[in-house]
Amino acid sequence: GWLSVGAAGQMLAVLPAWVFGWLVAGGVIYTLGAIVYITKIFNFKPGVFGFHEMWHIFVMLAAGAHYVAVLGVAI
C-alpha cells in the first residue's frame, strides 16, 4: 500500500518512470475506491448499481494499472 512511498526513491532508481507512474496511478485508484466504499457516495441505484459496485470498478481499474506496471517490467 502507501507504505511503499518510503521506498519511492529506490523504486525510481531501478524502474522506468512510466512503470512507476502506473504503480502510483494504481495506488491512487485503490484509494479513491476505498473512499467511495467508506463514504457510500455514488449510490446511483441502491440494490442494483451502487457504491459497492463502483468500488469493484475502482478495484478492477487499479489492478489493471498494476498489471500494466508488472507487464512493463517483465517484458
PDB file of N, CA and C in Angstrom:
ATOM      1  N   GLY A   1       0.806  -1.180   0.000  1.00  0.00           N
ATOM      2  CA  GLY A   1       0.000   0.000   0.000  1.00  0.00           C
ATOM      3  C   GLY A   1       0.863   1.263   0.000  1.00  0.00           C
ATOM      4  N   TRP A   2       0.360   2.244   0.685  1.00  0.00           N
ATOM      5  CA  TRP A   2       1.044   3.543   0.692  1.00  0.00           C
ATOM      6  C   TRP A   2       2.334   3.516   1.508  1.00  0.00           C
ATOM      7  N   LEU A   3       2.596   2.439   2.236  1.00  0.00           N
ATOM      8  CA  LEU A   3       3.855   2.312   2.964  1.00  0.00           C
ATOM      9  C   LEU A   3       5.039   2.300   2.001  1.00  0.00           C
ATOM     10  N   SER A   4       4.807   1.877   0.767  1.00  0.00           N
ATOM     11  CA  SER A   4       5.880   1.828  -0.230  1.00  0.00           C
ATOM     12  C   SER A   4       6.363   3.216  -0.641  1.00  0.00           C
ATOM     13  N   VAL A   5       5.657   4.278  -0.247  1.00  0.00           N
ATOM     14  CA  VAL A   5       6.104   5.642  -0.553  1.00  0.00           C
ATOM     15  C   VAL A   5       7.495   5.873   0.037  1.00  0.00           C
ATOM     16  N   GLY A   6       7.784   5.227   1.144  1.00  0.00           N
ATOM     17  CA  GLY A   6       9.103   5.347   1.759  1.00  0.00           C
ATOM     18  C   GLY A   6      10.216   4.817   0.876  1.00  0.00           C
ATOM     19  N   ALA A   7       9.892   3.925  -0.032  1.00  0.00           N
ATOM     20  CA  ALA A   7      10.885   3.351  -0.941  1.00  0.00           C
ATOM     21  C   ALA A   7      10.779   3.942  -2.341  1.00  0.00           C
ATOM     22  N   ALA A   8      10.058   5.044  -2.484  1.00  0.00           N
ATOM     23  CA  ALA A   8       9.833   5.632  -3.810  1.00  0.00           C
ATOM     24  C   ALA A   8      11.145   5.981  -4.505  1.00  0.00           C
ATOM     25  N   GLY A   9      12.094   6.520  -3.769  1.00  0.00           N
ATOM     26  CA  GLY A   9      13.384   6.871  -4.367  1.00  0.00           C
ATOM     27  C   GLY A   9      14.101   5.657  -4.927  1.00  0.00           C
ATOM     28  N   GLN A  10      14.090   4.577  -4.178  1.00  0.00           N
ATOM     29  CA  GLN A  10      14.736   3.347  -4.636  1.00  0.00           C
ATOM     30  C   GLN A  10      14.010   2.769  -5.850  1.00  0.00           C
ATOM     31  N   MET A  11      12.683   2.828  -5.828  1.00  0.00           N
ATOM     32  CA  MET A  11      11.923   2.302  -6.967  1.00  0.00           C
ATOM     33  C   MET A  11      12.175   3.139  -8.214  1.00  0.00           C
ATOM     34  N   LEU A  12      12.230   4.456  -8.052  1.00  0.00           N
ATOM     35  CA  LEU A  12      12.506   5.326  -9.200  1.00  0.00           C
ATOM     36  C   LEU A  12      13.898   5.085  -9.772  1.00  0.00           C
ATOM     37  N   ALA A  13      14.827   4.658  -8.915  1.00  0.00           N
ATOM     38  CA  ALA A  13      16.197   4.411  -9.373  1.00  0.00           C
ATOM     39  C   ALA A  13      16.292   3.173 -10.261  1.00  0.00           C
ATOM     40  N   VAL A  14      15.395   2.219 -10.068  1.00  0.00           N
ATOM     41  CA  VAL A  14      15.504   0.964 -10.816  1.00  0.00           C
ATOM     42  C   VAL A  14      14.376   0.739 -11.823  1.00  0.00           C
ATOM     43  N   LEU A  15      13.292   1.480 -11.701  1.00  0.00           N
ATOM     44  CA  LEU A  15      12.153   1.304 -12.610  1.00  0.00           C
ATOM     45  C   LEU A  15      12.080   2.453 -13.605  1.00  0.00           C
ATOM     46  N   PRO A  16      11.626   2.163 -14.815  1.00  0.00           N
ATOM     47  CA  PRO A  16      11.345   3.271 -15.737  1.00  0.00           C
ATOM     48  C   PRO A  16      10.260   4.173 -15.132  1.00  0.00           C
ATOM     49  N   ALA A  17      10.325   5.452 -15.428  1.00  0.00           N
ATOM     50  CA  ALA A  17       9.378   6.412 -14.848  1.00  0.00           C
ATOM     51  C   ALA A  17       7.932   6.050 -15.171  1.00  0.00           C
ATOM     52  N   TRP A  18       7.688   5.552 -16.392  1.00  0.00           N
ATOM     53  CA  TRP A  18       6.304   5.236 -16.757  1.00  0.00           C
ATOM     54  C   TRP A  18       5.763   4.056 -15.951  1.00  0.00           C
ATOM     55  N   VAL A  19       6.638   3.100 -15.594  1.00  0.00           N
ATOM     56  CA  VAL A  19       6.212   1.969 -14.761  1.00  0.00           C
ATOM     57  C   VAL A  19       5.866   2.476 -13.366  1.00  0.00           C
ATOM     58  N   PHE A  20       6.720   3.332 -12.830  1.00  0.00           N
ATOM     59  CA  PHE A  20       6.455   3.919 -11.516  1.00  0.00           C
ATOM     60  C   PHE A  20       5.139   4.700 -11.548  1.00  0.00           C
ATOM     61  N   GLY A  21       4.902   5.405 -12.638  1.00  0.00           N
ATOM     62  CA  GLY A  21       3.656   6.156 -12.789  1.00  0.00           C
ATOM     63  C   GLY A  21       2.429   5.266 -12.730  1.00  0.00           C
ATOM     64  N   TRP A  22       2.502   4.107 -13.377  1.00  0.00           N
ATOM     65  CA  TRP A  22       1.374   3.173 -13.327  1.00  0.00           C
ATOM     66  C   TRP A  22       1.171   2.626 -11.913  1.00  0.00           C
ATOM     67  N   LEU A  23       2.272   2.408 -11.181  1.00  0.00           N
ATOM     68  CA  LEU A  23       2.145   1.955  -9.793  1.00  0.00           C
ATOM     69  C   LEU A  23       1.451   3.011  -8.939  1.00  0.00           C
ATOM     70  N   VAL A  24       1.868   4.257  -9.107  1.00  0.00           N
ATOM     71  CA  VAL A  24       1.249   5.351  -8.355  1.00  0.00           C
ATOM     72  C   VAL A  24      -0.223   5.495  -8.747  1.00  0.00           C
ATOM     73  N   ALA A  25      -0.497   5.420 -10.043  1.00  0.00           N
ATOM     74  CA  ALA A  25      -1.885   5.534 -10.512  1.00  0.00           C
ATOM     75  C   ALA A  25      -2.759   4.446  -9.891  1.00  0.00           C
ATOM     76  N   GLY A  26      -2.243   3.232  -9.847  1.00  0.00           N
ATOM     77  CA  GLY A  26      -2.998   2.143  -9.226  1.00  0.00           C
ATOM     78  C   GLY A  26      -3.273   2.410  -7.759  1.00  0.00           C
ATOM     79  N   GLY A  27      -2.271   2.918  -7.053  1.00  0.00           N
ATOM     80  CA  GLY A  27      -2.462   3.250  -5.637  1.00  0.00           C
ATOM     81  C   GLY A  27      -3.501   4.330  -5.430  1.00  0.00           C
ATOM     82  N   VAL A  28      -3.466   5.337  -6.280  1.00  0.00           N
ATOM     83  CA  VAL A  28      -4.449   6.425  -6.183  1.00  0.00           C
ATOM     84  C   VAL A  28      -5.850   5.892  -6.474  1.00  0.00           C
ATOM     85  N   ILE A  29      -5.972   5.047  -7.483  1.00  0.00           N
ATOM     86  CA  ILE A  29      -7.286   4.499  -7.837  1.00  0.00           C
ATOM     87  C   ILE A  29      -7.816   3.598  -6.723  1.00  0.00           C
ATOM     88  N   TYR A  30      -6.949   2.758  -6.132  1.00  0.00           N
ATOM     89  CA  TYR A  30      -7.374   1.940  -4.990  1.00  0.00           C
ATOM     90  C   TYR A  30      -7.869   2.830  -3.855  1.00  0.00           C
ATOM     91  N   THR A  31      -7.142   3.914  -3.590  1.00  0.00           N
ATOM     92  CA  THR A  31      -7.518   4.829  -2.514  1.00  0.00           C
ATOM     93  C   THR A  31      -8.862   5.494  -2.799  1.00  0.00           C
ATOM     94  N   LEU A  32      -9.060   5.935  -4.029  1.00  0.00           N
ATOM     95  CA  LEU A  32     -10.350   6.531  -4.396  1.00  0.00           C
ATOM     96  C   LEU A  32     -11.483   5.519  -4.230  1.00  0.00           C
ATOM     97  N   GLY A  33     -11.217   4.276  -4.594  1.00  0.00           N
ATOM     98  CA  GLY A  33     -12.221   3.228  -4.410  1.00  0.00           C
ATOM     99  C   GLY A  33     -12.563   3.015  -2.944  1.00  0.00           C
ATOM    100  N   ALA A  34     -11.552   3.070  -2.091  1.00  0.00           N
ATOM    101  CA  ALA A  34     -11.794   2.930  -0.650  1.00  0.00           C
ATOM    102  C   ALA A  34     -12.637   4.088  -0.130  1.00  0.00           C
ATOM    103  N   ILE A  35     -12.357   5.290  -0.621  1.00  0.00           N
ATOM    104  CA  ILE A  35     -13.146   6.460  -0.210  1.00  0.00           C
ATOM    105  C   ILE A  35     -14.596   6.304  -0.648  1.00  0.00           C
ATOM    106  N   VAL A  36     -14.797   5.840  -1.877  1.00  0.00           N
ATOM    107  CA  VAL A  36     -16.159   5.601  -2.375  1.00  0.00           C
ATOM    108  C   VAL A  36     -16.862   4.581  -1.488  1.00  0.00           C
ATOM    109  N   TYR A  37     -16.168   3.517  -1.127  1.00  0.00           N
ATOM    110  CA  TYR A  37     -16.780   2.458  -0.321  1.00  0.00           C
ATOM    111  C   TYR A  37     -17.109   2.940   1.088  1.00  0.00           C
ATOM    112  N   ILE A  38     -16.170   3.660   1.702  1.00  0.00           N
ATOM    113  CA  ILE A  38     -16.366   4.114   3.084  1.00  0.00           C
ATOM    114  C   ILE A  38     -17.463   5.169   3.181  1.00  0.00           C
ATOM    115  N   THR A  39     -17.463   6.105   2.241  1.00  0.00           N
ATOM    116  CA  THR A  39     -18.434   7.210   2.301  1.00  0.00           C
ATOM    117  C   THR A  39     -19.774   6.863   1.667  1.00  0.00           C
ATOM    118  N   LYS A  40     -19.805   5.762   0.935  1.00  0.00           N
ATOM    119  CA  LYS A  40     -21.022   5.310   0.249  1.00  0.00           C
ATOM    120  C   LYS A  40     -21.542   6.341  -0.752  1.00  0.00           C
ATOM    121  N   ILE A  41     -20.624   7.095  -1.359  1.00  0.00           N
ATOM    122  CA  ILE A  41     -21.027   8.011  -2.418  1.00  0.00           C
ATOM    123  C   ILE A  41     -21.176   7.218  -3.716  1.00  0.00           C
ATOM    124  N   PHE A  42     -21.731   7.815  -4.713  1.00  0.00           N
ATOM    125  CA  PHE A  42     -22.013   7.156  -5.994  1.00  0.00           C
ATOM    126  C   PHE A  42     -22.981   5.992  -5.814  1.00  0.00           C
ATOM    127  N   ASN A  43     -23.982   6.195  -4.987  1.00  0.00           N
ATOM    128  CA  ASN A  43     -25.004   5.173  -4.779  1.00  0.00           C
ATOM    129  C   ASN A  43     -26.139   5.426  -5.772  1.00  0.00           C
ATOM    130  N   PHE A  44     -25.861   5.158  -7.050  1.00  0.00           N
ATOM    131  CA  PHE A  44     -26.757   5.518  -8.139  1.00  0.00           C
ATOM    132  C   PHE A  44     -28.132   4.870  -8.044  1.00  0.00           C
ATOM    133  N   LYS A  45     -28.152   3.553  -7.967  1.00  0.00           N
ATOM    134  CA  LYS A  45     -29.422   2.822  -7.890  1.00  0.00           C
ATOM    135  C   LYS A  45     -29.245   1.717  -6.849  1.00  0.00           C
ATOM    136  N   PRO A  46     -29.472   2.048  -5.574  1.00  0.00           N
ATOM    137  CA  PRO A  46     -29.231   1.082  -4.496  1.00  0.00           C
ATOM    138  C   PRO A  46     -29.884  -0.270  -4.770  1.00  0.00           C
ATOM    139  N   GLY A  47     -29.132  -1.306  -4.507  1.00  0.00           N
ATOM    140  CA  GLY A  47     -29.615  -2.660  -4.733  1.00  0.00           C
ATOM    141  C   GLY A  47     -29.369  -3.163  -6.140  1.00  0.00           C
ATOM    142  N   VAL A  48     -29.052  -2.251  -7.048  1.00  0.00           N
ATOM    143  CA  VAL A  48     -28.783  -2.632  -8.435  1.00  0.00           C
ATOM    144  C   VAL A  48     -27.366  -2.213  -8.819  1.00  0.00           C
ATOM    145  N   PHE A  49     -27.083  -0.926  -8.704  1.00  0.00           N
ATOM    146  CA  PHE A  49     -25.747  -0.414  -9.018  1.00  0.00           C
ATOM    147  C   PHE A  49     -25.455   0.745  -8.080  1.00  0.00           C
ATOM    148  N   GLY A  50     -24.708   0.454  -7.046  1.00  0.00           N
ATOM    149  CA  GLY A  50     -24.426   1.466  -6.035  1.00  0.00           C
ATOM    150  C   GLY A  50     -22.953   1.592  -5.729  1.00  0.00           C
ATOM    151  N   PHE A  51     -22.673   2.063  -4.520  1.00  0.00           N
ATOM    152  CA  PHE A  51     -21.292   2.319  -4.117  1.00  0.00           C
ATOM    153  C   PHE A  51     -20.454   1.046  -4.121  1.00  0.00           C
ATOM    154  N   HIS A  52     -21.056  -0.088  -3.783  1.00  0.00           N
ATOM    155  CA  HIS A  52     -20.292  -1.341  -3.738  1.00  0.00           C
ATOM    156  C   HIS A  52     -19.832  -1.752  -5.136  1.00  0.00           C
ATOM    157  N   GLU A  53     -20.709  -1.605  -6.099  1.00  0.00           N
ATOM    158  CA  GLU A  53     -20.340  -1.932  -7.480  1.00  0.00           C
ATOM    159  C   GLU A  53     -19.297  -0.943  -8.008  1.00  0.00           C
ATOM    160  N   MET A  54     -19.438   0.321  -7.621  1.00  0.00           N
ATOM    161  CA  MET A  54     -18.433   1.320  -8.005  1.00  0.00           C
ATOM    162  C   MET A  54     -17.076   0.952  -7.418  1.00  0.00           C
ATOM    163  N   TRP A  55     -17.079   0.466  -6.173  1.00  0.00           N
ATOM    164  CA  TRP A  55     -15.836   0.052  -5.535  1.00  0.00           C
ATOM    165  C   TRP A  55     -15.178  -1.066  -6.347  1.00  0.00           C
ATOM    166  N   HIS A  56     -15.976  -2.016  -6.826  1.00  0.00           N
ATOM    167  CA  HIS A  56     -15.425  -3.092  -7.648  1.00  0.00           C
ATOM    168  C   HIS A  56     -14.811  -2.547  -8.936  1.00  0.00           C
ATOM    169  N   ILE A  57     -15.431  -1.553  -9.527  1.00  0.00           N
ATOM    170  CA  ILE A  57     -14.875  -0.941 -10.741  1.00  0.00           C
ATOM    171  C   ILE A  57     -13.530  -0.295 -10.441  1.00  0.00           C
ATOM    172  N   PHE A  58     -13.439   0.430  -9.327  1.00  0.00           N
ATOM    173  CA  PHE A  58     -12.166   1.037  -8.943  1.00  0.00           C
ATOM    174  C   PHE A  58     -11.099  -0.032  -8.716  1.00  0.00           C
ATOM    175  N   VAL A  59     -11.472  -1.133  -8.076  1.00  0.00           N
ATOM    176  CA  VAL A  59     -10.513  -2.218  -7.831  1.00  0.00           C
ATOM    177  C   VAL A  59     -10.021  -2.805  -9.149  1.00  0.00           C
ATOM    178  N   MET A  60     -10.925  -3.011 -10.098  1.00  0.00           N
ATOM    179  CA  MET A  60     -10.510  -3.563 -11.398  1.00  0.00           C
ATOM    180  C   MET A  60      -9.588  -2.597 -12.139  1.00  0.00           C
ATOM    181  N   LEU A  61      -9.910  -1.307 -12.097  1.00  0.00           N
ATOM    182  CA  LEU A  61      -9.052  -0.315 -12.756  1.00  0.00           C
ATOM    183  C   LEU A  61      -7.671  -0.264 -12.114  1.00  0.00           C
ATOM    184  N   ALA A  62      -7.630  -0.288 -10.783  1.00  0.00           N
ATOM    185  CA  ALA A  62      -6.347  -0.242 -10.081  1.00  0.00           C
ATOM    186  C   ALA A  62      -5.527  -1.501 -10.357  1.00  0.00           C
ATOM    187  N   ALA A  63      -6.177  -2.650 -10.339  1.00  0.00           N
ATOM    188  CA  ALA A  63      -5.472  -3.896 -10.641  1.00  0.00           C
ATOM    189  C   ALA A  63      -4.942  -3.864 -12.069  1.00  0.00           C
ATOM    190  N   GLY A  64      -5.713  -3.294 -12.982  1.00  0.00           N
ATOM    191  CA  GLY A  64      -5.255  -3.147 -14.366  1.00  0.00           C
ATOM    192  C   GLY A  64      -4.030  -2.259 -14.462  1.00  0.00           C
ATOM    193  N   ALA A  65      -4.016  -1.171 -13.706  1.00  0.00           N
ATOM    194  CA  ALA A  65      -2.854  -0.277 -13.701  1.00  0.00           C
ATOM    195  C   ALA A  65      -1.622  -1.009 -13.182  1.00  0.00           C
ATOM    196  N   HIS A  66      -1.774  -1.771 -12.119  1.00  0.00           N
ATOM    197  CA  HIS A  66      -0.638  -2.524 -11.579  1.00  0.00           C
ATOM    198  C   HIS A  66      -0.216  -3.637 -12.536  1.00  0.00           C
ATOM    199  N   TYR A  67      -1.167  -4.224 -13.241  1.00  0.00           N
ATOM    200  CA  TYR A  67      -0.840  -5.241 -14.241  1.00  0.00           C
ATOM    201  C   TYR A  67       0.023  -4.643 -15.345  1.00  0.00           C
ATOM    202  N   VAL A  68      -0.338  -3.448 -15.814  1.00  0.00           N
ATOM    203  CA  VAL A  68       0.458  -2.772 -16.848  1.00  0.00           C
ATOM    204  C   VAL A  68       1.870  -2.520 -16.333  1.00  0.00           C
ATOM    205  N   ALA A  69       1.991  -2.114 -15.071  1.00  0.00           N
ATOM    206  CA  ALA A  69       3.315  -1.866 -14.490  1.00  0.00           C
ATOM    207  C   ALA A  69       4.145  -3.147 -14.448  1.00  0.00           C
ATOM    208  N   VAL A  70       3.548  -4.232 -13.990  1.00  0.00           N
ATOM    209  CA  VAL A  70       4.273  -5.507 -13.923  1.00  0.00           C
ATOM    210  C   VAL A  70       4.642  -5.976 -15.323  1.00  0.00           C
ATOM    211  N   LEU A  71       3.727  -5.835 -16.257  1.00  0.00           N
ATOM    212  CA  LEU A  71       3.996  -6.214 -17.641  1.00  0.00           C
ATOM    213  C   LEU A  71       5.170  -5.408 -18.201  1.00  0.00           C
ATOM    214  N   GLY A  72       5.228  -4.134 -17.845  1.00  0.00           N
ATOM    215  CA  GLY A  72       6.322  -3.285 -18.309  1.00  0.00           C
ATOM    216  C   GLY A  72       7.674  -3.722 -17.796  1.00  0.00           C
ATOM    217  N   VAL A  73       7.707  -4.302 -16.617  1.00  0.00           N
ATOM    218  CA  VAL A  73       8.970  -4.788 -16.056  1.00  0.00           C
ATOM    219  C   VAL A  73       9.309  -6.160 -16.625  1.00  0.00           C
ATOM    220  N   ALA A  74       8.286  -6.976 -16.854  1.00  0.00           N
ATOM    221  CA  ALA A  74       8.508  -8.351 -17.292  1.00  0.00           C
ATOM    222  C   ALA A  74       8.926  -8.452 -18.755  1.00  0.00           C
ATOM    223  N   ILE A  75       8.500  -7.502 -19.560  1.00  0.00           N
ATOM    224  CA  ILE A  75       8.798  -7.601 -20.996  1.00  0.00           C
ATOM    225  C   ILE A  75      10.060  -6.854 -21.336  1.00  0.00           C
TER     226      ILE A  75
END
